[in-house]
């Protein structure tokens, strides 16, 4: 696996496995399969509703947690610092993990780009 070093010195795998549209019933198996074939970054979000399966796969895979890179996205409804922190805590609790490696606010915008020439 190749890595990129972020500005803070953290090494992040350049390729990750995303679980968008993976059902919560299938998520643990999919994460385990991805890790088995070499993925070391797993990407989920609160709005995917499969965080428990991601956490279960990570906790039971046999790979040390520090060798994995877990990414999640806080729901877009969390607009304040306090709401974002509560969302992160909720995600960690659902996953059964002590930390995430990368987290961002998930913001999906519905808009049309109008170009005037």
PDB file of N, CA and C in Angstrom:
ATOM      1  N   UNK A   1       0.844  -1.175   0.000  1.00  0.00           N
ATOM      2  CA  UNK A   1       0.000   0.000   0.000  1.00  0.00           C
ATOM      3  C   UNK A   1       0.891   1.240   0.000  1.00  0.00           C
ATOM      4  N   UNK A   2       0.543   2.181  -0.833  1.00  0.00           N
ATOM      5  CA  UNK A   2       1.262   3.456  -0.869  1.00  0.00           C
ATOM      6  C   UNK A   2       0.558   4.453   0.047  1.00  0.00           C
ATOM      7  N   UNK A   3       1.336   5.385   0.588  1.00  0.00           N
ATOM      8  CA  UNK A   3       0.820   6.372   1.528  1.00  0.00           C
ATOM      9  C   UNK A   3       1.222   7.762   1.089  1.00  0.00           C
ATOM     10  N   UNK A   4       0.461   8.741   1.555  1.00  0.00           N
ATOM     11  CA  UNK A   4       0.816  10.147   1.410  1.00  0.00           C
ATOM     12  C   UNK A   4       0.961  10.685   2.839  1.00  0.00           C
ATOM     13  N   UNK A   5       1.927  11.549   3.037  1.00  0.00           N
ATOM     14  CA  UNK A   5       2.115  12.144   4.357  1.00  0.00           C
ATOM     15  C   UNK A   5       1.406  13.489   4.395  1.00  0.00           C
ATOM     16  N   UNK A   6       0.489  13.627   5.324  1.00  0.00           N
ATOM     17  CA  UNK A   6      -0.262  14.868   5.476  1.00  0.00           C
ATOM     18  C   UNK A   6       0.614  15.928   6.148  1.00  0.00           C
ATOM     19  N   UNK A   7       0.160  17.171   6.132  1.00  0.00           N
ATOM     20  CA  UNK A   7       0.936  18.273   6.708  1.00  0.00           C
ATOM     21  C   UNK A   7       1.272  18.073   8.182  1.00  0.00           C
ATOM     22  N   UNK A   8       0.440  17.314   8.891  1.00  0.00           N
ATOM     23  CA  UNK A   8       0.688  17.083  10.317  1.00  0.00           C
ATOM     24  C   UNK A   8       1.566  15.858  10.568  1.00  0.00           C
ATOM     25  N   UNK A   9       2.091  15.259   9.497  1.00  0.00           N
ATOM     26  CA  UNK A   9       2.982  14.115   9.625  1.00  0.00           C
ATOM     27  C   UNK A   9       2.300  12.761   9.609  1.00  0.00           C
ATOM     28  N   UNK A  10       0.975  12.740   9.632  1.00  0.00           N
ATOM     29  CA  UNK A  10       0.229  11.480   9.604  1.00  0.00           C
ATOM     30  C   UNK A  10       0.298  10.877   8.210  1.00  0.00           C
ATOM     31  N   UNK A  11       0.536   9.564   8.155  1.00  0.00           N
ATOM     32  CA  UNK A  11       0.563   8.861   6.871  1.00  0.00           C
ATOM     33  C   UNK A  11      -0.823   8.307   6.574  1.00  0.00           C
ATOM     34  N   UNK A  12      -1.342   8.649   5.391  1.00  0.00           N
ATOM     35  CA  UNK A  12      -2.669   8.226   4.976  1.00  0.00           C
ATOM     36  C   UNK A  12      -2.555   7.360   3.716  1.00  0.00           C
ATOM     37  N   UNK A  13      -3.196   6.187   3.714  1.00  0.00           N
ATOM     38  CA  UNK A  13      -3.179   5.371   2.492  1.00  0.00           C
ATOM     39  C   UNK A  13      -3.783   6.149   1.323  1.00  0.00           C
ATOM     40  N   UNK A  14      -3.196   5.996   0.131  1.00  0.00           N
ATOM     41  CA  UNK A  14      -3.714   6.741  -1.021  1.00  0.00           C
ATOM     42  C   UNK A  14      -4.965   6.100  -1.606  1.00  0.00           C
ATOM     43  N   UNK A  15      -5.265   4.890  -1.179  1.00  0.00           N
ATOM     44  CA  UNK A  15      -6.454   4.194  -1.664  1.00  0.00           C
ATOM     45  C   UNK A  15      -7.238   3.686  -0.466  1.00  0.00           C
ATOM     46  N   UNK A  16      -8.533   3.940  -0.467  1.00  0.00           N
ATOM     47  CA  UNK A  16      -9.367   3.491   0.636  1.00  0.00           C
ATOM     48  C   UNK A  16     -10.625   2.824   0.134  1.00  0.00           C
ATOM     49  N   UNK A  17     -11.283   2.113   1.035  1.00  0.00           N
ATOM     50  CA  UNK A  17     -12.534   1.423   0.721  1.00  0.00           C
ATOM     51  C   UNK A  17     -13.688   2.205   1.341  1.00  0.00           C
ATOM     52  N   UNK A  18     -14.618   2.634   0.512  1.00  0.00           N
ATOM     53  CA  UNK A  18     -15.786   3.369   0.973  1.00  0.00           C
ATOM     54  C   UNK A  18     -16.998   2.468   1.084  1.00  0.00           C
ATOM     55  N   UNK A  19     -17.825   2.726   2.089  1.00  0.00           N
ATOM     56  CA  UNK A  19     -18.977   1.854   2.336  1.00  0.00           C
ATOM     57  C   UNK A  19     -20.305   2.542   2.024  1.00  0.00           C
ATOM     58  N   UNK A  20     -20.268   3.557   1.165  1.00  0.00           N
ATOM     59  CA  UNK A  20     -21.503   4.209   0.738  1.00  0.00           C
ATOM     60  C   UNK A  20     -22.407   3.176   0.082  1.00  0.00           C
ATOM     61  N   UNK A  21     -23.649   3.134   0.487  1.00  0.00           N
ATOM     62  CA  UNK A  21     -24.686   2.232  -0.010  1.00  0.00           C
ATOM     63  C   UNK A  21     -24.452   0.760   0.349  1.00  0.00           C
ATOM     64  N   UNK A  22     -23.518   0.481   1.243  1.00  0.00           N
ATOM     65  CA  UNK A  22     -23.368  -0.869   1.770  1.00  0.00           C
ATOM     66  C   UNK A  22     -24.344  -0.975   2.937  1.00  0.00           C
ATOM     67  N   UNK A  23     -25.200  -1.979   2.904  1.00  0.00           N
ATOM     68  CA  UNK A  23     -26.201  -2.109   3.964  1.00  0.00           C
ATOM     69  C   UNK A  23     -25.539  -2.424   5.290  1.00  0.00           C
ATOM     70  N   UNK A  24     -26.218  -2.060   6.360  1.00  0.00           N
ATOM     71  CA  UNK A  24     -25.646  -2.333   7.681  1.00  0.00           C
ATOM     72  C   UNK A  24     -25.512  -3.833   7.920  1.00  0.00           C
ATOM     73  N   UNK A  25     -26.336  -4.637   7.263  1.00  0.00           N
ATOM     74  CA  UNK A  25     -26.248  -6.091   7.404  1.00  0.00           C
ATOM     75  C   UNK A  25     -25.006  -6.661   6.710  1.00  0.00           C
ATOM     76  N   UNK A  26     -24.567  -6.034   5.658  1.00  0.00           N
ATOM     77  CA  UNK A  26     -23.428  -6.522   4.876  1.00  0.00           C
ATOM     78  C   UNK A  26     -22.115  -5.826   5.201  1.00  0.00           C
ATOM     79  N   UNK A  27     -22.180  -4.754   5.950  1.00  0.00           N
ATOM     80  CA  UNK A  27     -21.018  -3.881   6.116  1.00  0.00           C
ATOM     81  C   UNK A  27     -19.827  -4.566   6.776  1.00  0.00           C
ATOM     82  N   UNK A  28     -20.048  -5.280   7.857  1.00  0.00           N
ATOM     83  CA  UNK A  28     -18.921  -5.932   8.534  1.00  0.00           C
ATOM     84  C   UNK A  28     -18.180  -6.862   7.578  1.00  0.00           C
ATOM     85  N   UNK A  29     -18.928  -7.695   6.845  1.00  0.00           N
ATOM     86  CA  UNK A  29     -18.296  -8.623   5.902  1.00  0.00           C
ATOM     87  C   UNK A  29     -17.528  -7.880   4.821  1.00  0.00           C
ATOM     88  N   UNK A  30     -18.102  -6.806   4.298  1.00  0.00           N
ATOM     89  CA  UNK A  30     -17.433  -6.034   3.245  1.00  0.00           C
ATOM     90  C   UNK A  30     -16.141  -5.402   3.753  1.00  0.00           C
ATOM     91  N   UNK A  31     -16.172  -4.855   4.963  1.00  0.00           N
ATOM     92  CA  UNK A  31     -14.968  -4.272   5.549  1.00  0.00           C
ATOM     93  C   UNK A  31     -13.912  -5.350   5.754  1.00  0.00           C
ATOM     94  N   UNK A  32     -14.310  -6.496   6.281  1.00  0.00           N
ATOM     95  CA  UNK A  32     -13.357  -7.595   6.481  1.00  0.00           C
ATOM     96  C   UNK A  32     -12.744  -8.042   5.158  1.00  0.00           C
ATOM     97  N   UNK A  33     -13.583  -8.154   4.123  1.00  0.00           N
ATOM     98  CA  UNK A  33     -13.074  -8.537   2.797  1.00  0.00           C
ATOM     99  C   UNK A  33     -12.092  -7.504   2.260  1.00  0.00           C
ATOM    100  N   UNK A  34     -12.423  -6.220   2.420  1.00  0.00           N
ATOM    101  CA  UNK A  34     -11.541  -5.147   1.934  1.00  0.00           C
ATOM    102  C   UNK A  34     -10.194  -5.187   2.659  1.00  0.00           C
ATOM    103  N   UNK A  35     -10.228  -5.363   3.956  1.00  0.00           N
ATOM    104  CA  UNK A  35      -8.988  -5.419   4.730  1.00  0.00           C
ATOM    105  C   UNK A  35      -8.175  -6.661   4.367  1.00  0.00           C
ATOM    106  N   UNK A  36      -8.871  -7.752   4.100  1.00  0.00           N
ATOM    107  CA  UNK A  36      -8.199  -9.010   3.745  1.00  0.00           C
ATOM    108  C   UNK A  36      -7.409  -8.881   2.439  1.00  0.00           C
ATOM    109  N   UNK A  37      -7.934  -8.102   1.484  1.00  0.00           N
ATOM    110  CA  UNK A  37      -7.239  -7.957   0.197  1.00  0.00           C
ATOM    111  C   UNK A  37      -6.241  -6.794   0.181  1.00  0.00           C
ATOM    112  N   UNK A  38      -6.081  -6.101   1.325  1.00  0.00           N
ATOM    113  CA  UNK A  38      -5.014  -5.109   1.399  1.00  0.00           C
ATOM    114  C   UNK A  38      -5.394  -3.673   1.677  1.00  0.00           C
ATOM    115  N   UNK A  39      -6.680  -3.345   1.629  1.00  0.00           N
ATOM    116  CA  UNK A  39      -7.071  -1.976   1.979  1.00  0.00           C
ATOM    117  C   UNK A  39      -6.692  -1.709   3.431  1.00  0.00           C
ATOM    118  N   UNK A  40      -6.270  -0.473   3.712  1.00  0.00           N
ATOM    119  CA  UNK A  40      -5.967  -0.090   5.080  1.00  0.00           C
ATOM    120  C   UNK A  40      -6.698   1.186   5.489  1.00  0.00           C
ATOM    121  N   UNK A  41      -7.451   1.774   4.567  1.00  0.00           N
ATOM    122  CA  UNK A  41      -8.287   2.934   4.865  1.00  0.00           C
ATOM    123  C   UNK A  41      -9.740   2.560   4.608  1.00  0.00           C
ATOM    124  N   UNK A  42     -10.587   2.863   5.573  1.00  0.00           N
ATOM    125  CA  UNK A  42     -12.021   2.604   5.453  1.00  0.00           C
ATOM    126  C   UNK A  42     -12.742   3.924   5.657  1.00  0.00           C
ATOM    127  N   UNK A  43     -13.672   4.236   4.746  1.00  0.00           N
ATOM    128  CA  UNK A  43     -14.387   5.505   4.755  1.00  0.00           C
ATOM    129  C   UNK A  43     -15.881   5.267   4.934  1.00  0.00           C
ATOM    130  N   UNK A  44     -16.460   5.922   5.947  1.00  0.00           N
ATOM    131  CA  UNK A  44     -17.894   5.836   6.198  1.00  0.00           C
ATOM    132  C   UNK A  44     -18.426   7.228   6.510  1.00  0.00           C
ATOM    133  N   UNK A  45     -19.709   7.312   6.854  1.00  0.00           N
ATOM    134  CA  UNK A  45     -20.326   8.580   7.241  1.00  0.00           C
ATOM    135  C   UNK A  45     -21.561   8.286   8.075  1.00  0.00           C
ATOM    136  N   UNK A  46     -21.928   9.244   8.916  1.00  0.00           N
ATOM    137  CA  UNK A  46     -23.144   9.071   9.707  1.00  0.00           C
ATOM    138  C   UNK A  46     -24.349   8.834   8.810  1.00  0.00           C
ATOM    139  N   UNK A  47     -24.396   9.499   7.687  1.00  0.00           N
ATOM    140  CA  UNK A  47     -25.560   9.384   6.803  1.00  0.00           C
ATOM    141  C   UNK A  47     -25.619   8.063   6.042  1.00  0.00           C
ATOM    142  N   UNK A  48     -24.597   7.214   6.178  1.00  0.00           N
ATOM    143  CA  UNK A  48     -24.630   5.886   5.549  1.00  0.00           C
ATOM    144  C   UNK A  48     -25.327   4.866   6.443  1.00  0.00           C
ATOM    145  N   UNK A  49     -25.439   5.152   7.734  1.00  0.00           N
ATOM    146  CA  UNK A  49     -26.120   4.290   8.711  1.00  0.00           C
ATOM    147  C   UNK A  49     -25.520   2.892   8.810  1.00  0.00           C
ATOM    148  N   UNK A  50     -24.213   2.781   8.617  1.00  0.00           N
ATOM    149  CA  UNK A  50     -23.560   1.467   8.705  1.00  0.00           C
ATOM    150  C   UNK A  50     -22.290   1.510   9.561  1.00  0.00           C
ATOM    151  N   UNK A  51     -22.205   2.496  10.427  1.00  0.00           N
ATOM    152  CA  UNK A  51     -20.999   2.675  11.237  1.00  0.00           C
ATOM    153  C   UNK A  51     -20.740   1.491  12.168  1.00  0.00           C
ATOM    154  N   UNK A  52     -21.796   0.895  12.708  1.00  0.00           N
ATOM    155  CA  UNK A  52     -21.600  -0.264  13.590  1.00  0.00           C
ATOM    156  C   UNK A  52     -20.877  -1.392  12.856  1.00  0.00           C
ATOM    157  N   UNK A  53     -21.285  -1.667  11.623  1.00  0.00           N
ATOM    158  CA  UNK A  53     -20.646  -2.712  10.829  1.00  0.00           C
ATOM    159  C   UNK A  53     -19.200  -2.394  10.512  1.00  0.00           C
ATOM    160  N   UNK A  54     -18.919  -1.134  10.231  1.00  0.00           N
ATOM    161  CA  UNK A  54     -17.531  -0.718   9.991  1.00  0.00           C
ATOM    162  C   UNK A  54     -16.700  -0.988  11.239  1.00  0.00           C
ATOM    163  N   UNK A  55     -17.200  -0.559  12.382  1.00  0.00           N
ATOM    164  CA  UNK A  55     -16.474  -0.763  13.628  1.00  0.00           C
ATOM    165  C   UNK A  55     -16.278  -2.229  13.959  1.00  0.00           C
ATOM    166  N   UNK A  56     -17.313  -3.021  13.732  1.00  0.00           N
ATOM    167  CA  UNK A  56     -17.212  -4.456  14.007  1.00  0.00           C
ATOM    168  C   UNK A  56     -16.138  -5.096  13.130  1.00  0.00           C
ATOM    169  N   UNK A  57     -16.119  -4.724  11.850  1.00  0.00           N
ATOM    170  CA  UNK A  57     -15.095  -5.249  10.951  1.00  0.00           C
ATOM    171  C   UNK A  57     -13.690  -4.850  11.380  1.00  0.00           C
ATOM    172  N   UNK A  58     -13.537  -3.597  11.781  1.00  0.00           N
ATOM    173  CA  UNK A  58     -12.227  -3.109  12.209  1.00  0.00           C
ATOM    174  C   UNK A  58     -11.785  -3.808  13.500  1.00  0.00           C
ATOM    175  N   UNK A  59     -12.717  -3.945  14.427  1.00  0.00           N
ATOM    176  CA  UNK A  59     -12.365  -4.549  15.721  1.00  0.00           C
ATOM    177  C   UNK A  59     -12.049  -6.037  15.626  1.00  0.00           C
ATOM    178  N   UNK A  60     -12.626  -6.728  14.646  1.00  0.00           N
ATOM    179  CA  UNK A  60     -12.464  -8.191  14.575  1.00  0.00           C
ATOM    180  C   UNK A  60     -11.514  -8.664  13.477  1.00  0.00           C
ATOM    181  N   UNK A  61     -10.909  -7.740  12.742  1.00  0.00           N
ATOM    182  CA  UNK A  61     -10.105  -8.132  11.572  1.00  0.00           C
ATOM    183  C   UNK A  61      -8.753  -8.727  11.923  1.00  0.00           C
ATOM    184  N   UNK A  62      -8.255  -8.478  13.129  1.00  0.00           N
ATOM    185  CA  UNK A  62      -6.945  -8.999  13.508  1.00  0.00           C
ATOM    186  C   UNK A  62      -5.783  -8.096  13.139  1.00  0.00           C
ATOM    187  N   UNK A  63      -6.064  -6.977  12.508  1.00  0.00           N
ATOM    188  CA  UNK A  63      -5.027  -6.010  12.144  1.00  0.00           C
ATOM    189  C   UNK A  63      -4.976  -4.960  13.254  1.00  0.00           C
ATOM    190  N   UNK A  64      -3.785  -4.627  13.751  1.00  0.00           N
ATOM    191  CA  UNK A  64      -3.712  -3.609  14.808  1.00  0.00           C
ATOM    192  C   UNK A  64      -4.380  -2.307  14.363  1.00  0.00           C
ATOM    193  N   UNK A  65      -5.158  -1.696  15.258  1.00  0.00           N
ATOM    194  CA  UNK A  65      -5.896  -0.476  14.926  1.00  0.00           C
ATOM    195  C   UNK A  65      -4.973   0.610  14.398  1.00  0.00           C
ATOM    196  N   UNK A  66      -3.763   0.712  14.941  1.00  0.00           N
ATOM    197  CA  UNK A  66      -2.845   1.772  14.510  1.00  0.00           C
ATOM    198  C   UNK A  66      -2.351   1.571  13.072  1.00  0.00           C
ATOM    199  N   UNK A  67      -2.583   0.409  12.490  1.00  0.00           N
ATOM    200  CA  UNK A  67      -2.211   0.148  11.098  1.00  0.00           C
ATOM    201  C   UNK A  67      -3.333   0.466  10.120  1.00  0.00           C
ATOM    202  N   UNK A  68      -4.468   0.927  10.650  1.00  0.00           N
ATOM    203  CA  UNK A  68      -5.626   1.247   9.815  1.00  0.00           C
ATOM    204  C   UNK A  68      -5.893   2.747   9.856  1.00  0.00           C
ATOM    205  N   UNK A  69      -6.560   3.242   8.826  1.00  0.00           N
ATOM    206  CA  UNK A  69      -6.898   4.657   8.724  1.00  0.00           C
ATOM    207  C   UNK A  69      -8.410   4.746   8.561  1.00  0.00           C
ATOM    208  N   UNK A  70      -9.086   5.246   9.587  1.00  0.00           N
ATOM    209  CA  UNK A  70     -10.550   5.289   9.596  1.00  0.00           C
ATOM    210  C   UNK A  70     -11.012   6.717   9.344  1.00  0.00           C
ATOM    211  N   UNK A  71     -11.867   6.856   8.335  1.00  0.00           N
ATOM    212  CA  UNK A  71     -12.406   8.155   7.938  1.00  0.00           C
ATOM    213  C   UNK A  71     -13.916   8.129   8.135  1.00  0.00           C
ATOM    214  N   UNK A  72     -14.443   9.199   8.693  1.00  0.00           N
ATOM    215  CA  UNK A  72     -15.890   9.336   8.795  1.00  0.00           C
ATOM    216  C   UNK A  72     -16.273  10.780   8.512  1.00  0.00           C
ATOM    217  N   UNK A  73     -17.550  10.960   8.279  1.00  0.00           N
ATOM    218  CA  UNK A  73     -18.074  12.288   7.998  1.00  0.00           C
ATOM    219  C   UNK A  73     -19.229  12.569   8.951  1.00  0.00           C
ATOM    220  N   UNK A  74     -19.177  13.708   9.624  1.00  0.00           N
ATOM    221  CA  UNK A  74     -20.240  14.142  10.514  1.00  0.00           C
ATOM    222  C   UNK A  74     -21.403  14.620   9.654  1.00  0.00           C
ATOM    223  N   UNK A  75     -22.625  14.330  10.087  1.00  0.00           N
ATOM    224  CA  UNK A  75     -23.812  14.739   9.336  1.00  0.00           C
ATOM    225  C   UNK A  75     -23.827  16.249   9.117  1.00  0.00           C
ATOM    226  N   UNK A  76     -24.301  16.659   7.960  1.00  0.00           N
ATOM    227  CA  UNK A  76     -24.302  18.073   7.577  1.00  0.00           C
ATOM    228  C   UNK A  76     -25.150  18.931   8.512  1.00  0.00           C
ATOM    229  N   UNK A  77     -26.085  18.324   9.221  1.00  0.00           N
ATOM    230  CA  UNK A  77     -26.941  19.079  10.132  1.00  0.00           C
ATOM    231  C   UNK A  77     -26.158  19.644  11.317  1.00  0.00           C
ATOM    232  N   UNK A  78     -25.004  19.083  11.616  1.00  0.00           N
ATOM    233  CA  UNK A  78     -24.191  19.535  12.744  1.00  0.00           C
ATOM    234  C   UNK A  78     -23.428  20.793  12.333  1.00  0.00           C
ATOM    235  N   UNK A  79     -23.975  21.942  12.679  1.00  0.00           N
ATOM    236  CA  UNK A  79     -23.414  23.213  12.212  1.00  0.00           C
ATOM    237  C   UNK A  79     -22.459  23.866  13.209  1.00  0.00           C
ATOM    238  N   UNK A  80     -22.583  23.548  14.487  1.00  0.00           N
ATOM    239  CA  UNK A  80     -21.723  24.190  15.480  1.00  0.00           C
ATOM    240  C   UNK A  80     -20.631  23.226  15.917  1.00  0.00           C
ATOM    241  N   UNK A  81     -19.637  23.778  16.596  1.00  0.00           N
ATOM    242  CA  UNK A  81     -18.549  22.960  17.134  1.00  0.00           C
ATOM    243  C   UNK A  81     -19.101  21.900  18.077  1.00  0.00           C
ATOM    244  N   UNK A  82     -19.999  22.302  18.954  1.00  0.00           N
ATOM    245  CA  UNK A  82     -20.568  21.383  19.934  1.00  0.00           C
ATOM    246  C   UNK A  82     -21.335  20.255  19.248  1.00  0.00           C
ATOM    247  N   UNK A  83     -22.109  20.599  18.233  1.00  0.00           N
ATOM    248  CA  UNK A  83     -22.862  19.578  17.493  1.00  0.00           C
ATOM    249  C   UNK A  83     -21.919  18.620  16.763  1.00  0.00           C
ATOM    250  N   UNK A  84     -20.868  19.170  16.174  1.00  0.00           N
ATOM    251  CA  UNK A  84     -19.902  18.323  15.463  1.00  0.00           C
ATOM    252  C   UNK A  84     -19.209  17.373  16.434  1.00  0.00           C
ATOM    253  N   UNK A  85     -18.800  17.878  17.589  1.00  0.00           N
ATOM    254  CA  UNK A  85     -18.145  17.022  18.580  1.00  0.00           C
ATOM    255  C   UNK A  85     -19.093  15.929  19.078  1.00  0.00           C
ATOM    256  N   UNK A  86     -20.362  16.280  19.283  1.00  0.00           N
ATOM    257  CA  UNK A  86     -21.348  15.284  19.706  1.00  0.00           C
ATOM    258  C   UNK A  86     -21.524  14.229  18.607  1.00  0.00           C
ATOM    259  N   UNK A  87     -21.507  14.658  17.346  1.00  0.00           N
ATOM    260  CA  UNK A  87     -21.616  13.721  16.227  1.00  0.00           C
ATOM    261  C   UNK A  87     -20.420  12.781  16.151  1.00  0.00           C
ATOM    262  N   UNK A  88     -19.233  13.318  16.394  1.00  0.00           N
ATOM    263  CA  UNK A  88     -18.022  12.486  16.400  1.00  0.00           C
ATOM    264  C   UNK A  88     -18.097  11.463  17.528  1.00  0.00           C
ATOM    265  N   UNK A  89     -18.509  11.916  18.710  1.00  0.00           N
ATOM    266  CA  UNK A  89     -18.648  10.996  19.848  1.00  0.00           C
ATOM    267  C   UNK A  89     -19.667   9.896  19.542  1.00  0.00           C
ATOM    268  N   UNK A  90     -20.766  10.278  18.903  1.00  0.00           N
ATOM    269  CA  UNK A  90     -21.798   9.297  18.532  1.00  0.00           C
ATOM    270  C   UNK A  90     -21.230   8.257  17.561  1.00  0.00           C
ATOM    271  N   UNK A  91     -20.474   8.708  16.583  1.00  0.00           N
ATOM    272  CA  UNK A  91     -19.853   7.795  15.624  1.00  0.00           C
ATOM    273  C   UNK A  91     -18.890   6.840  16.316  1.00  0.00           C
ATOM    274  N   UNK A  92     -18.038   7.375  17.178  1.00  0.00           N
ATOM    275  CA  UNK A  92     -17.080   6.521  17.889  1.00  0.00           C
ATOM    276  C   UNK A  92     -17.807   5.482  18.738  1.00  0.00           C
ATOM    277  N   UNK A  93     -18.876   5.884  19.384  1.00  0.00           N
ATOM    278  CA  UNK A  93     -19.646   4.953  20.212  1.00  0.00           C
ATOM    279  C   UNK A  93     -20.249   3.846  19.342  1.00  0.00           C
ATOM    280  N   UNK A  94     -20.845   4.218  18.217  1.00  0.00           N
ATOM    281  CA  UNK A  94     -21.428   3.215  17.318  1.00  0.00           C
ATOM    282  C   UNK A  94     -20.365   2.261  16.785  1.00  0.00           C
ATOM    283  N   UNK A  95     -19.198   2.796  16.454  1.00  0.00           N
ATOM    284  CA  UNK A  95     -18.122   1.967  15.912  1.00  0.00           C
ATOM    285  C   UNK A  95     -17.423   1.138  16.991  1.00  0.00           C
ATOM    286  N   UNK A  96     -17.519   1.578  18.225  1.00  0.00           N
ATOM    287  CA  UNK A  96     -16.791   0.904  19.289  1.00  0.00           C
ATOM    288  C   UNK A  96     -15.297   1.172  19.202  1.00  0.00           C
ATOM    289  N   UNK A  97     -14.928   2.362  18.703  1.00  0.00           N
ATOM    290  CA  UNK A  97     -13.527   2.747  18.553  1.00  0.00           C
ATOM    291  C   UNK A  97     -13.221   3.926  19.468  1.00  0.00           C
ATOM    292  N   UNK A  98     -11.942   4.112  19.759  1.00  0.00           N
ATOM    293  CA  UNK A  98     -11.517   5.214  20.605  1.00  0.00           C
ATOM    294  C   UNK A  98     -11.171   6.468  19.813  1.00  0.00           C
ATOM    295  N   UNK A  99     -10.866   6.290  18.540  1.00  0.00           N
ATOM    296  CA  UNK A  99     -10.512   7.456  17.728  1.00  0.00           C
ATOM    297  C   UNK A  99     -10.753   7.181  16.251  1.00  0.00           C
ATOM    298  N   UNK A 100     -10.893   8.285  15.504  1.00  0.00           N
ATOM    299  CA  UNK A 100     -10.920   8.258  14.046  1.00  0.00           C
ATOM    300  C   UNK A 100      -9.645   8.949  13.590  1.00  0.00           C
ATOM    301  N   UNK A 101      -9.169   8.572  12.426  1.00  0.00           N
ATOM    302  CA  UNK A 101      -7.958   9.208  11.910  1.00  0.00           C
ATOM    303  C   UNK A 101      -8.260  10.496  11.162  1.00  0.00           C
ATOM    304  N   UNK A 102      -9.458  10.577  10.602  1.00  0.00           N
ATOM    305  CA  UNK A 102      -9.817  11.746   9.800  1.00  0.00           C
ATOM    306  C   UNK A 102     -11.327  11.892   9.871  1.00  0.00           C
ATOM    307  N   UNK A 103     -11.779  13.108  10.108  1.00  0.00           N
ATOM    308  CA  UNK A 103     -13.214  13.362  10.171  1.00  0.00           C
ATOM    309  C   UNK A 103     -13.496  14.711   9.534  1.00  0.00           C
ATOM    310  N   UNK A 104     -14.604  14.788   8.843  1.00  0.00           N
ATOM    311  CA  UNK A 104     -14.989  16.062   8.234  1.00  0.00           C
ATOM    312  C   UNK A 104     -16.507  16.205   8.304  1.00  0.00           C
ATOM    313  N   UNK A 105     -16.977  17.406   8.110  1.00  0.00           N
ATOM    314  CA  UNK A 105     -18.412  17.649   8.049  1.00  0.00           C
ATOM    315  C   UNK A 105     -18.871  17.299   6.644  1.00  0.00           C
ATOM    316  N   UNK A 106     -19.876  16.452   6.573  1.00  0.00           N
ATOM    317  CA  UNK A 106     -20.398  15.986   5.294  1.00  0.00           C
ATOM    318  C   UNK A 106     -21.379  17.030   4.789  1.00  0.00           C
ATOM    319  N   UNK A 107     -21.101  17.601   3.656  1.00  0.00           N
ATOM    320  CA  UNK A 107     -21.944  18.663   3.118  1.00  0.00           C
ATOM    321  C   UNK A 107     -22.287  18.349   1.675  1.00  0.00           C
ATOM    322  N   UNK A 108     -23.524  17.967   1.486  1.00  0.00           N
ATOM    323  CA  UNK A 108     -24.004  17.696   0.131  1.00  0.00           C
ATOM    324  C   UNK A 108     -24.834  18.897  -0.291  1.00  0.00           C
ATOM    325  N   UNK A 109     -24.471  19.495  -1.376  1.00  0.00           N
ATOM    326  CA  UNK A 109     -25.173  20.676  -1.859  1.00  0.00           C
ATOM    327  C   UNK A 109     -25.945  20.343  -3.129  1.00  0.00           C
ATOM    328  N   UNK A 110     -27.186  20.749  -3.139  1.00  0.00           N
ATOM    329  CA  UNK A 110     -27.975  20.612  -4.359  1.00  0.00           C
ATOM    330  C   UNK A 110     -28.071  21.995  -4.993  1.00  0.00           C
ATOM    331  N   UNK A 111     -27.322  22.183  -6.037  1.00  0.00           N
ATOM    332  CA  UNK A 111     -27.365  23.449  -6.739  1.00  0.00           C
ATOM    333  C   UNK A 111     -26.967  23.234  -8.182  1.00  0.00           C
ATOM    334  N   UNK A 112     -27.350  24.165  -9.004  1.00  0.00           N
ATOM    335  CA  UNK A 112     -26.964  24.121 -10.404  1.00  0.00           C
ATOM    336  C   UNK A 112     -25.937  25.203 -10.646  1.00  0.00           C
ATOM    337  N   UNK A 113     -24.869  24.826 -11.298  1.00  0.00           N
ATOM    338  CA  UNK A 113     -23.847  25.776 -11.651  1.00  0.00           C
ATOM    339  C   UNK A 113     -24.258  26.466 -12.943  1.00  0.00           C
ATOM    340  N   UNK A 114     -24.398  27.767 -12.904  1.00  0.00           N
ATOM    341  CA  UNK A 114     -24.780  28.522 -14.079  1.00  0.00           C
ATOM    342  C   UNK A 114     -23.574  29.309 -14.560  1.00  0.00           C
ATOM    343  N   UNK A 115     -23.182  29.046 -15.759  1.00  0.00           N
ATOM    344  CA  UNK A 115     -22.032  29.745 -16.335  1.00  0.00           C
ATOM    345  C   UNK A 115     -22.554  30.759 -17.352  1.00  0.00           C
ATOM    346  N   UNK A 116     -22.145  31.969 -17.153  1.00  0.00           N
ATOM    347  CA  UNK A 116     -22.535  33.017 -18.087  1.00  0.00           C
ATOM    348  C   UNK A 116     -21.330  33.384 -18.944  1.00  0.00           C
ATOM    349  N   UNK A 117     -21.504  33.286 -20.236  1.00  0.00           N
ATOM    350  CA  UNK A 117     -20.406  33.623 -21.153  1.00  0.00           C
ATOM    351  C   UNK A 117     -20.725  34.906 -21.871  1.00  0.00           C
TER     352      UNK A 117
END
